[in-house]
Amino acid sequence: MANIFGIYLGQERQEKKMADALYANIVSAARNPNLYGTQKVPDTANGRFELIILHIFMLFRRLQDDEAKVQSIKQKTFDRFLEDMDVNLREIGVGPDGVPKRIQKMLENFYGRAAAYQKALETNDLNKIAEVIARNFYTDNDASKLGATMLAKYVSKSVAYLEAQDIEILLNSNFNFPLNLNELK
């Protein structure tokens, strides 16, 4: 019995380590300086948050697998995201009573955006993807059109790249989100 429990704990630790590496990969991609700046994603807390959500969505979309290990690592990665958001909220001064409300709003944002991104990707229409991105990332539709279109191209290429990767490569974080936004002009 002790051996089975030890194997389980070892597996849990390994999956947690994999999830932490996946989340680090997501954050690294979301902080790519090439994604920010004039005619790109606003370099704001909201812009950074939106990019994290977008990268989680793209990766999780690829990891649609019924295998228990894949689902467990996905959940642990999402839990790591929530832990990070909790820490960030506390660091910016949100009190203990406000953190759960903000986390709940972040969850609503994530699921709403994931559904919108999925629906847009299913159309295979770059303009539809750009429309969804513009709504989530930008407040001025005219100023954001180029940025949203470039980011839509990035999403389209990233999704195709992730689809071509073996699940084990992804789970072990042996990948990088591709493309430089400057190459998509």
Foldseek 3Di string as FASTA:
>chain_A
DVVVVVVVVVLVVVLLVLLVLLLVLLLVQLVPCLQDDQLHFDPDPQSSLVSSLLSLLLLVVLLPDPDPSSVSSNVSNVVVVLVVQLVVCVVVPDDPVCSVVVSVVSVVVSVVLSVQCVVQVVVVDLVSQLVSCCVRGHDDNVRNSSRSSLVSVLSVVQSVVSNPDDPVCSSNVVDHSDDRSVVRD
